[in-house]
Amino acid sequence: MSENQIIITVSGVDKIGIVAKVTAVLAQFEVNIEDIKQTLMQGHFVMFMLGNIEKSKFPFKEIKEALVETGKELGMEIWVQRKEIFDNMHNI
């Protein structure tokens, strides 16, 4: 299952519309959001999302590039990686 799951991390100064913009991109690329956590730490917005690309007709690379570009538009950092790689990195 984790080969179809992706981890999206969003970080930056809090502002209106971050969640809306990121989730709109995920919907456009047919990524199902399986879990979402967000917090505000001293004015710094942090969000973690677990997405599933199994039913998306778009390749991972294209989804990742669109999200990274969205981060630039928002003035935020957005990282995207496959969950299986994320899991392996944290098991070492």
PDB file of N, CA and C in Angstrom:
ATOM      1  N   MET A   1       0.825  -1.204   0.000  1.00  0.00           N
ATOM      2  CA  MET A   1       0.000   0.000   0.000  1.00  0.00           C
ATOM      3  C   MET A   1       0.862   1.258   0.000  1.00  0.00           C
ATOM      4  N   SER A   2       1.993   1.250   0.732  1.00  0.00           N
ATOM      5  CA  SER A   2       2.769   2.480   0.863  1.00  0.00           C
ATOM      6  C   SER A   2       3.416   2.935  -0.446  1.00  0.00           C
ATOM      7  N   GLU A   3       3.491   2.042  -1.473  1.00  0.00           N
ATOM      8  CA  GLU A   3       4.055   2.494  -2.753  1.00  0.00           C
ATOM      9  C   GLU A   3       3.156   3.521  -3.438  1.00  0.00           C
ATOM     10  N   ASN A   4       1.879   3.574  -3.048  1.00  0.00           N
ATOM     11  CA  ASN A   4       0.946   4.552  -3.606  1.00  0.00           C
ATOM     12  C   ASN A   4       0.721   5.746  -2.677  1.00  0.00           C
ATOM     13  N   GLN A   5       1.362   5.729  -1.515  1.00  0.00           N
ATOM     14  CA  GLN A   5       1.159   6.811  -0.554  1.00  0.00           C
ATOM     15  C   GLN A   5       2.310   7.813  -0.639  1.00  0.00           C
ATOM     16  N   ILE A   6       1.953   9.077  -0.447  1.00  0.00           N
ATOM     17  CA  ILE A   6       2.960  10.132  -0.452  1.00  0.00           C
ATOM     18  C   ILE A   6       2.794  10.971   0.822  1.00  0.00           C
ATOM     19  N   ILE A   7       3.921  11.511   1.281  1.00  0.00           N
ATOM     20  CA  ILE A   7       3.939  12.409   2.428  1.00  0.00           C
ATOM     21  C   ILE A   7       4.187  13.816   1.891  1.00  0.00           C
ATOM     22  N   ILE A   8       3.328  14.748   2.285  1.00  0.00           N
ATOM     23  CA  ILE A   8       3.465  16.148   1.882  1.00  0.00           C
ATOM     24  C   ILE A   8       3.674  16.960   3.150  1.00  0.00           C
ATOM     25  N   THR A   9       4.738  17.742   3.187  1.00  0.00           N
ATOM     26  CA  THR A   9       5.028  18.606   4.327  1.00  0.00           C
ATOM     27  C   THR A   9       5.009  20.043   3.840  1.00  0.00           C
ATOM     28  N   VAL A  10       4.265  20.886   4.543  1.00  0.00           N
ATOM     29  CA  VAL A  10       4.147  22.305   4.192  1.00  0.00           C
ATOM     30  C   VAL A  10       4.602  23.116   5.401  1.00  0.00           C
ATOM     31  N   SER A  11       5.457  24.099   5.164  1.00  0.00           N
ATOM     32  CA  SER A  11       5.989  24.884   6.268  1.00  0.00           C
ATOM     33  C   SER A  11       6.226  26.328   5.831  1.00  0.00           C
ATOM     34  N   GLY A  12       5.904  27.263   6.724  1.00  0.00           N
ATOM     35  CA  GLY A  12       6.164  28.669   6.435  1.00  0.00           C
ATOM     36  C   GLY A  12       5.338  29.578   7.330  1.00  0.00           C
ATOM     37  N   VAL A  13       5.416  30.853   7.058  1.00  0.00           N
ATOM     38  CA  VAL A  13       4.663  31.836   7.829  1.00  0.00           C
ATOM     39  C   VAL A  13       3.170  31.651   7.554  1.00  0.00           C
ATOM     40  N   ASP A  14       2.379  31.648   8.615  1.00  0.00           N
ATOM     41  CA  ASP A  14       0.941  31.426   8.491  1.00  0.00           C
ATOM     42  C   ASP A  14       0.277  32.548   7.704  1.00  0.00           C
ATOM     43  N   LYS A  15      -0.658  32.165   6.852  1.00  0.00           N
ATOM     44  CA  LYS A  15      -1.470  33.126   6.093  1.00  0.00           C
ATOM     45  C   LYS A  15      -2.757  32.436   5.669  1.00  0.00           C
ATOM     46  N   ILE A  16      -3.703  33.194   5.248  1.00  0.00           N
ATOM     47  CA  ILE A  16      -4.992  32.662   4.803  1.00  0.00           C
ATOM     48  C   ILE A  16      -4.830  31.922   3.472  1.00  0.00           C
ATOM     49  N   GLY A  17      -5.473  30.752   3.359  1.00  0.00           N
ATOM     50  CA  GLY A  17      -5.560  30.055   2.082  1.00  0.00           C
ATOM     51  C   GLY A  17      -4.560  28.955   1.827  1.00  0.00           C
ATOM     52  N   ILE A  18      -3.680  28.668   2.782  1.00  0.00           N
ATOM     53  CA  ILE A  18      -2.658  27.636   2.552  1.00  0.00           C
ATOM     54  C   ILE A  18      -3.311  26.271   2.309  1.00  0.00           C
ATOM     55  N   VAL A  19      -4.171  25.852   3.235  1.00  0.00           N
ATOM     56  CA  VAL A  19      -4.806  24.531   3.121  1.00  0.00           C
ATOM     57  C   VAL A  19      -5.646  24.466   1.848  1.00  0.00           C
ATOM     58  N   ALA A  20      -6.383  25.529   1.566  1.00  0.00           N
ATOM     59  CA  ALA A  20      -7.239  25.561   0.376  1.00  0.00           C
ATOM     60  C   ALA A  20      -6.421  25.387  -0.900  1.00  0.00           C
ATOM     61  N   LYS A  21      -5.313  26.086  -0.998  1.00  0.00           N
ATOM     62  CA  LYS A  21      -4.493  26.028  -2.216  1.00  0.00           C
ATOM     63  C   LYS A  21      -3.857  24.653  -2.391  1.00  0.00           C
ATOM     64  N   VAL A  22      -3.292  24.113  -1.312  1.00  0.00           N
ATOM     65  CA  VAL A  22      -2.620  22.812  -1.405  1.00  0.00           C
ATOM     66  C   VAL A  22      -3.632  21.709  -1.708  1.00  0.00           C
ATOM     67  N   THR A  23      -4.774  21.717  -1.031  1.00  0.00           N
ATOM     68  CA  THR A  23      -5.772  20.670  -1.280  1.00  0.00           C
ATOM     69  C   THR A  23      -6.391  20.804  -2.671  1.00  0.00           C
ATOM     70  N   ALA A  24      -6.482  22.019  -3.195  1.00  0.00           N
ATOM     71  CA  ALA A  24      -6.990  22.204  -4.563  1.00  0.00           C
ATOM     72  C   ALA A  24      -6.047  21.543  -5.573  1.00  0.00           C
ATOM     73  N   VAL A  25      -4.745  21.683  -5.364  1.00  0.00           N
ATOM     74  CA  VAL A  25      -3.765  21.044  -6.253  1.00  0.00           C
ATOM     75  C   VAL A  25      -3.883  19.528  -6.150  1.00  0.00           C
ATOM     76  N   LEU A  26      -4.029  19.015  -4.929  1.00  0.00           N
ATOM     77  CA  LEU A  26      -4.179  17.571  -4.756  1.00  0.00           C
ATOM     78  C   LEU A  26      -5.435  17.063  -5.462  1.00  0.00           C
ATOM     79  N   ALA A  27      -6.526  17.791  -5.361  1.00  0.00           N
ATOM     80  CA  ALA A  27      -7.760  17.398  -6.047  1.00  0.00           C
ATOM     81  C   ALA A  27      -7.574  17.424  -7.560  1.00  0.00           C
ATOM     82  N   GLN A  28      -6.904  18.437  -8.062  1.00  0.00           N
ATOM     83  CA  GLN A  28      -6.660  18.565  -9.502  1.00  0.00           C
ATOM     84  C   GLN A  28      -5.871  17.360 -10.029  1.00  0.00           C
ATOM     85  N   PHE A  29      -4.940  16.866  -9.213  1.00  0.00           N
ATOM     86  CA  PHE A  29      -4.104  15.739  -9.624  1.00  0.00           C
ATOM     87  C   PHE A  29      -4.644  14.395  -9.123  1.00  0.00           C
ATOM     88  N   GLU A  30      -5.904  14.396  -8.645  1.00  0.00           N
ATOM     89  CA  GLU A  30      -6.608  13.182  -8.237  1.00  0.00           C
ATOM     90  C   GLU A  30      -5.895  12.413  -7.132  1.00  0.00           C
ATOM     91  N   VAL A  31      -5.360  13.163  -6.168  1.00  0.00           N
ATOM     92  CA  VAL A  31      -4.701  12.568  -5.008  1.00  0.00           C
ATOM     93  C   VAL A  31      -5.705  12.546  -3.866  1.00  0.00           C
ATOM     94  N   ASN A  32      -5.917  11.374  -3.288  1.00  0.00           N
ATOM     95  CA  ASN A  32      -6.822  11.241  -2.154  1.00  0.00           C
ATOM     96  C   ASN A  32      -6.072  11.571  -0.862  1.00  0.00           C
ATOM     97  N   ILE A  33      -6.623  12.456  -0.055  1.00  0.00           N
ATOM     98  CA  ILE A  33      -6.019  12.800   1.233  1.00  0.00           C
ATOM     99  C   ILE A  33      -6.508  11.783   2.261  1.00  0.00           C
ATOM    100  N   GLU A  34      -5.569  11.032   2.828  1.00  0.00           N
ATOM    101  CA  GLU A  34      -5.915  10.002   3.805  1.00  0.00           C
ATOM    102  C   GLU A  34      -5.767  10.486   5.237  1.00  0.00           C
ATOM    103  N   ASP A  35      -4.898  11.468   5.450  1.00  0.00           N
ATOM    104  CA  ASP A  35      -4.723  12.021   6.796  1.00  0.00           C
ATOM    105  C   ASP A  35      -4.113  13.406   6.654  1.00  0.00           C
ATOM    106  N   ILE A  36      -4.438  14.263   7.600  1.00  0.00           N
ATOM    107  CA  ILE A  36      -3.902  15.624   7.595  1.00  0.00           C
ATOM    108  C   ILE A  36      -3.752  16.097   9.032  1.00  0.00           C
ATOM    109  N   LYS A  37      -2.606  16.678   9.315  1.00  0.00           N
ATOM    110  CA  LYS A  37      -2.334  17.262  10.624  1.00  0.00           C
ATOM    111  C   LYS A  37      -1.714  18.634  10.373  1.00  0.00           C
ATOM    112  N   GLN A  38      -2.159  19.602  11.138  1.00  0.00           N
ATOM    113  CA  GLN A  38      -1.552  20.924  11.001  1.00  0.00           C
ATOM    114  C   GLN A  38      -1.459  21.563  12.371  1.00  0.00           C
ATOM    115  N   THR A  39      -0.515  22.454  12.495  1.00  0.00           N
ATOM    116  CA  THR A  39      -0.339  23.171  13.743  1.00  0.00           C
ATOM    117  C   THR A  39       0.253  24.538  13.450  1.00  0.00           C
ATOM    118  N   LEU A  40       0.140  25.401  14.407  1.00  0.00           N
ATOM    119  CA  LEU A  40       0.723  26.741  14.337  1.00  0.00           C
ATOM    120  C   LEU A  40       1.706  26.844  15.492  1.00  0.00           C
ATOM    121  N   MET A  41       2.958  27.093  15.179  1.00  0.00           N
ATOM    122  CA  MET A  41       3.997  27.191  16.199  1.00  0.00           C
ATOM    123  C   MET A  41       4.604  28.584  16.145  1.00  0.00           C
ATOM    124  N   GLN A  42       4.172  29.461  17.053  1.00  0.00           N
ATOM    125  CA  GLN A  42       4.662  30.838  17.131  1.00  0.00           C
ATOM    126  C   GLN A  42       4.562  31.543  15.779  1.00  0.00           C
ATOM    127  N   GLY A  43       3.395  31.429  15.153  1.00  0.00           N
ATOM    128  CA  GLY A  43       3.158  32.084  13.871  1.00  0.00           C
ATOM    129  C   GLY A  43       3.673  31.323  12.667  1.00  0.00           C
ATOM    130  N   HIS A  44       4.292  30.178  12.908  1.00  0.00           N
ATOM    131  CA  HIS A  44       4.849  29.355  11.834  1.00  0.00           C
ATOM    132  C   HIS A  44       3.887  28.201  11.566  1.00  0.00           C
ATOM    133  N   PHE A  45       3.374  28.117  10.356  1.00  0.00           N
ATOM    134  CA  PHE A  45       2.414  27.097   9.957  1.00  0.00           C
ATOM    135  C   PHE A  45       3.155  25.830   9.540  1.00  0.00           C
ATOM    136  N   VAL A  46       2.720  24.683  10.052  1.00  0.00           N
ATOM    137  CA  VAL A  46       3.285  23.391   9.670  1.00  0.00           C
ATOM    138  C   VAL A  46       2.129  22.428   9.406  1.00  0.00           C
ATOM    139  N   MET A  47       2.171  21.738   8.261  1.00  0.00           N
ATOM    140  CA  MET A  47       1.127  20.782   7.919  1.00  0.00           C
ATOM    141  C   MET A  47       1.770  19.523   7.333  1.00  0.00           C
ATOM    142  N   PHE A  48       1.266  18.388   7.781  1.00  0.00           N
ATOM    143  CA  PHE A  48       1.676  17.090   7.252  1.00  0.00           C
ATOM    144  C   PHE A  48       0.446  16.435   6.654  1.00  0.00           C
ATOM    145  N   MET A  49       0.599  15.891   5.469  1.00  0.00           N
ATOM    146  CA  MET A  49      -0.510  15.214   4.815  1.00  0.00           C
ATOM    147  C   MET A  49      -0.046  13.853   4.308  1.00  0.00           C
ATOM    148  N   LEU A  50      -0.949  12.888   4.387  1.00  0.00           N
ATOM    149  CA  LEU A  50      -0.721  11.582   3.790  1.00  0.00           C
ATOM    150  C   LEU A  50      -1.689  11.481   2.622  1.00  0.00           C
ATOM    151  N   GLY A  51      -1.150  11.341   1.428  1.00  0.00           N
ATOM    152  CA  GLY A  51      -1.978  11.241   0.232  1.00  0.00           C
ATOM    153  C   GLY A  51      -1.810   9.893  -0.433  1.00  0.00           C
ATOM    154  N   ASN A  52      -2.808   9.530  -1.225  1.00  0.00           N
ATOM    155  CA  ASN A  52      -2.747   8.274  -1.966  1.00  0.00           C
ATOM    156  C   ASN A  52      -2.915   8.594  -3.453  1.00  0.00           C
ATOM    157  N   ILE A  53      -1.931   8.161  -4.251  1.00  0.00           N
ATOM    158  CA  ILE A  53      -1.924   8.462  -5.691  1.00  0.00           C
ATOM    159  C   ILE A  53      -2.349   7.265  -6.539  1.00  0.00           C
ATOM    160  N   GLU A  54      -2.865   6.223  -5.883  1.00  0.00           N
ATOM    161  CA  GLU A  54      -3.229   4.990  -6.589  1.00  0.00           C
ATOM    162  C   GLU A  54      -4.195   5.243  -7.739  1.00  0.00           C
ATOM    163  N   LYS A  55      -5.187   6.101  -7.565  1.00  0.00           N
ATOM    164  CA  LYS A  55      -6.194   6.338  -8.591  1.00  0.00           C
ATOM    165  C   LYS A  55      -5.893   7.551  -9.469  1.00  0.00           C
ATOM    166  N   SER A  56      -4.758   8.201  -9.227  1.00  0.00           N
ATOM    167  CA  SER A  56      -4.371   9.353 -10.039  1.00  0.00           C
ATOM    168  C   SER A  56      -3.807   8.880 -11.374  1.00  0.00           C
ATOM    169  N   LYS A  57      -4.147   9.586 -12.436  1.00  0.00           N
ATOM    170  CA  LYS A  57      -3.571   9.240 -13.743  1.00  0.00           C
ATOM    171  C   LYS A  57      -2.294  10.042 -14.003  1.00  0.00           C
ATOM    172  N   PHE A  58      -1.844  10.792 -13.003  1.00  0.00           N
ATOM    173  CA  PHE A  58      -0.646  11.614 -13.128  1.00  0.00           C
ATOM    174  C   PHE A  58       0.539  10.920 -12.452  1.00  0.00           C
ATOM    175  N   PRO A  59       1.732  11.035 -13.037  1.00  0.00           N
ATOM    176  CA  PRO A  59       2.912  10.425 -12.410  1.00  0.00           C
ATOM    177  C   PRO A  59       3.325  11.205 -11.147  1.00  0.00           C
ATOM    178  N   PHE A  60       3.956  10.498 -10.219  1.00  0.00           N
ATOM    179  CA  PHE A  60       4.421  11.095  -8.969  1.00  0.00           C
ATOM    180  C   PHE A  60       5.237  12.372  -9.225  1.00  0.00           C
ATOM    181  N   LYS A  61       6.146  12.312 -10.187  1.00  0.00           N
ATOM    182  CA  LYS A  61       7.028  13.449 -10.470  1.00  0.00           C
ATOM    183  C   LYS A  61       6.223  14.714 -10.817  1.00  0.00           C
ATOM    184  N   GLU A  62       5.180  14.563 -11.592  1.00  0.00           N
ATOM    185  CA  GLU A  62       4.353  15.701 -11.994  1.00  0.00           C
ATOM    186  C   GLU A  62       3.579  16.274 -10.794  1.00  0.00           C
ATOM    187  N   ILE A  63       3.081  15.391  -9.945  1.00  0.00           N
ATOM    188  CA  ILE A  63       2.367  15.825  -8.740  1.00  0.00           C
ATOM    189  C   ILE A  63       3.326  16.588  -7.831  1.00  0.00           C
ATOM    190  N   LYS A  64       4.510  16.031  -7.639  1.00  0.00           N
ATOM    191  CA  LYS A  64       5.516  16.662  -6.780  1.00  0.00           C
ATOM    192  C   LYS A  64       5.889  18.046  -7.311  1.00  0.00           C
ATOM    193  N   GLU A  65       6.137  18.153  -8.612  1.00  0.00           N
ATOM    194  CA  GLU A  65       6.514  19.444  -9.207  1.00  0.00           C
ATOM    195  C   GLU A  65       5.410  20.481  -9.030  1.00  0.00           C
ATOM    196  N   ALA A  66       4.155  20.078  -9.188  1.00  0.00           N
ATOM    197  CA  ALA A  66       3.027  21.007  -9.023  1.00  0.00           C
ATOM    198  C   ALA A  66       2.937  21.498  -7.582  1.00  0.00           C
ATOM    199  N   LEU A  67       3.149  20.605  -6.627  1.00  0.00           N
ATOM    200  CA  LEU A  67       3.089  21.006  -5.220  1.00  0.00           C
ATOM    201  C   LEU A  67       4.252  21.916  -4.842  1.00  0.00           C
ATOM    202  N   VAL A  68       5.447  21.613  -5.322  1.00  0.00           N
ATOM    203  CA  VAL A  68       6.611  22.459  -5.043  1.00  0.00           C
ATOM    204  C   VAL A  68       6.386  23.853  -5.630  1.00  0.00           C
ATOM    205  N   GLU A  69       5.846  23.916  -6.829  1.00  0.00           N
ATOM    206  CA  GLU A  69       5.547  25.205  -7.463  1.00  0.00           C
ATOM    207  C   GLU A  69       4.484  25.961  -6.663  1.00  0.00           C
ATOM    208  N   THR A  70       3.489  25.265  -6.159  1.00  0.00           N
ATOM    209  CA  THR A  70       2.464  25.883  -5.318  1.00  0.00           C
ATOM    210  C   THR A  70       3.102  26.482  -4.068  1.00  0.00           C
ATOM    211  N   GLY A  71       4.059  25.764  -3.498  1.00  0.00           N
ATOM    212  CA  GLY A  71       4.784  26.279  -2.339  1.00  0.00           C
ATOM    213  C   GLY A  71       5.479  27.587  -2.650  1.00  0.00           C
ATOM    214  N   LYS A  72       6.114  27.660  -3.808  1.00  0.00           N
ATOM    215  CA  LYS A  72       6.789  28.905  -4.213  1.00  0.00           C
ATOM    216  C   LYS A  72       5.791  30.042  -4.348  1.00  0.00           C
ATOM    217  N   GLU A  73       4.637  29.752  -4.945  1.00  0.00           N
ATOM    218  CA  GLU A  73       3.594  30.769  -5.112  1.00  0.00           C
ATOM    219  C   GLU A  73       3.104  31.282  -3.757  1.00  0.00           C
ATOM    220  N   LEU A  74       3.043  30.395  -2.785  1.00  0.00           N
ATOM    221  CA  LEU A  74       2.569  30.754  -1.447  1.00  0.00           C
ATOM    222  C   LEU A  74       3.669  31.343  -0.558  1.00  0.00           C
ATOM    223  N   GLY A  75       4.912  31.251  -1.008  1.00  0.00           N
ATOM    224  CA  GLY A  75       6.034  31.672  -0.169  1.00  0.00           C
ATOM    225  C   GLY A  75       6.286  30.674   0.952  1.00  0.00           C
ATOM    226  N   MET A  76       5.968  29.393   0.681  1.00  0.00           N
ATOM    227  CA  MET A  76       6.103  28.320   1.671  1.00  0.00           C
ATOM    228  C   MET A  76       7.072  27.266   1.138  1.00  0.00           C
ATOM    229  N   GLU A  77       7.560  26.430   2.038  1.00  0.00           N
ATOM    230  CA  GLU A  77       8.340  25.256   1.639  1.00  0.00           C
ATOM    231  C   GLU A  77       7.388  24.068   1.572  1.00  0.00           C
ATOM    232  N   ILE A  78       7.397  23.353   0.471  1.00  0.00           N
ATOM    233  CA  ILE A  78       6.613  22.126   0.365  1.00  0.00           C
ATOM    234  C   ILE A  78       7.550  21.009  -0.077  1.00  0.00           C
ATOM    235  N   TRP A  79       7.556  19.937   0.723  1.00  0.00           N
ATOM    236  CA  TRP A  79       8.340  18.746   0.404  1.00  0.00           C
ATOM    237  C   TRP A  79       7.369  17.609   0.130  1.00  0.00           C
ATOM    238  N   VAL A  80       7.704  16.804  -0.863  1.00  0.00           N
ATOM    239  CA  VAL A  80       6.852  15.669  -1.222  1.00  0.00           C
ATOM    240  C   VAL A  80       7.757  14.457  -1.420  1.00  0.00           C
ATOM    241  N   GLN A  81       7.400  13.352  -0.774  1.00  0.00           N
ATOM    242  CA  GLN A  81       8.157  12.131  -0.987  1.00  0.00           C
ATOM    243  C   GLN A  81       7.242  10.920  -0.840  1.00  0.00           C
ATOM    244  N   ARG A  82       7.684   9.848  -1.441  1.00  0.00           N
ATOM    245  CA  ARG A  82       6.918   8.601  -1.328  1.00  0.00           C
ATOM    246  C   ARG A  82       7.004   8.109   0.114  1.00  0.00           C
ATOM    247  N   LYS A  83       5.904   7.595   0.629  1.00  0.00           N
ATOM    248  CA  LYS A  83       5.860   7.148   2.023  1.00  0.00           C
ATOM    249  C   LYS A  83       6.847   6.011   2.278  1.00  0.00           C
ATOM    250  N   GLU A  84       7.016   5.102   1.324  1.00  0.00           N
ATOM    251  CA  GLU A  84       7.929   3.981   1.544  1.00  0.00           C
ATOM    252  C   GLU A  84       9.365   4.478   1.730  1.00  0.00           C
ATOM    253  N   ILE A  85       9.766   5.523   1.030  1.00  0.00           N
ATOM    254  CA  ILE A  85      11.100   6.100   1.201  1.00  0.00           C
ATOM    255  C   ILE A  85      11.183   6.806   2.552  1.00  0.00           C
ATOM    256  N   PHE A  86      10.130   7.562   2.891  1.00  0.00           N
ATOM    257  CA  PHE A  86      10.051   8.244   4.180  1.00  0.00           C
ATOM    258  C   PHE A  86      10.186   7.223   5.319  1.00  0.00           C
ATOM    259  N   ASP A  87       9.448   6.127   5.241  1.00  0.00           N
ATOM    260  CA  ASP A  87       9.499   5.085   6.267  1.00  0.00           C
ATOM    261  C   ASP A  87      10.886   4.479   6.377  1.00  0.00           C
ATOM    262  N   ASN A  88      11.502   4.187   5.226  1.00  0.00           N
ATOM    263  CA  ASN A  88      12.839   3.582   5.236  1.00  0.00           C
ATOM    264  C   ASN A  88      13.879   4.531   5.821  1.00  0.00           C
ATOM    265  N   MET A  89      13.740   5.818   5.542  1.00  0.00           N
ATOM    266  CA  MET A  89      14.688   6.797   6.087  1.00  0.00           C
ATOM    267  C   MET A  89      14.600   6.851   7.608  1.00  0.00           C
ATOM    268  N   HIS A  90      13.420   6.655   8.142  1.00  0.00           N
ATOM    269  CA  HIS A  90      13.216   6.778   9.581  1.00  0.00           C
ATOM    270  C   HIS A  90      13.384   5.447  10.299  1.00  0.00           C
ATOM    271  N   ASN A  91      13.685   4.379   9.567  1.00  0.00           N
ATOM    272  CA  ASN A  91      13.952   3.082  10.182  1.00  0.00           C
ATOM    273  C   ASN A  91      15.446   2.802  10.272  1.00  0.00           C
ATOM    274  N   ILE A  92      16.252   3.664   9.697  1.00  0.00           N
ATOM    275  CA  ILE A  92      17.711   3.434   9.678  1.00  0.00           C
ATOM    276  C   ILE A  92      18.310   3.850  11.004  1.00  0.00           C
TER     277      ILE A  92
END
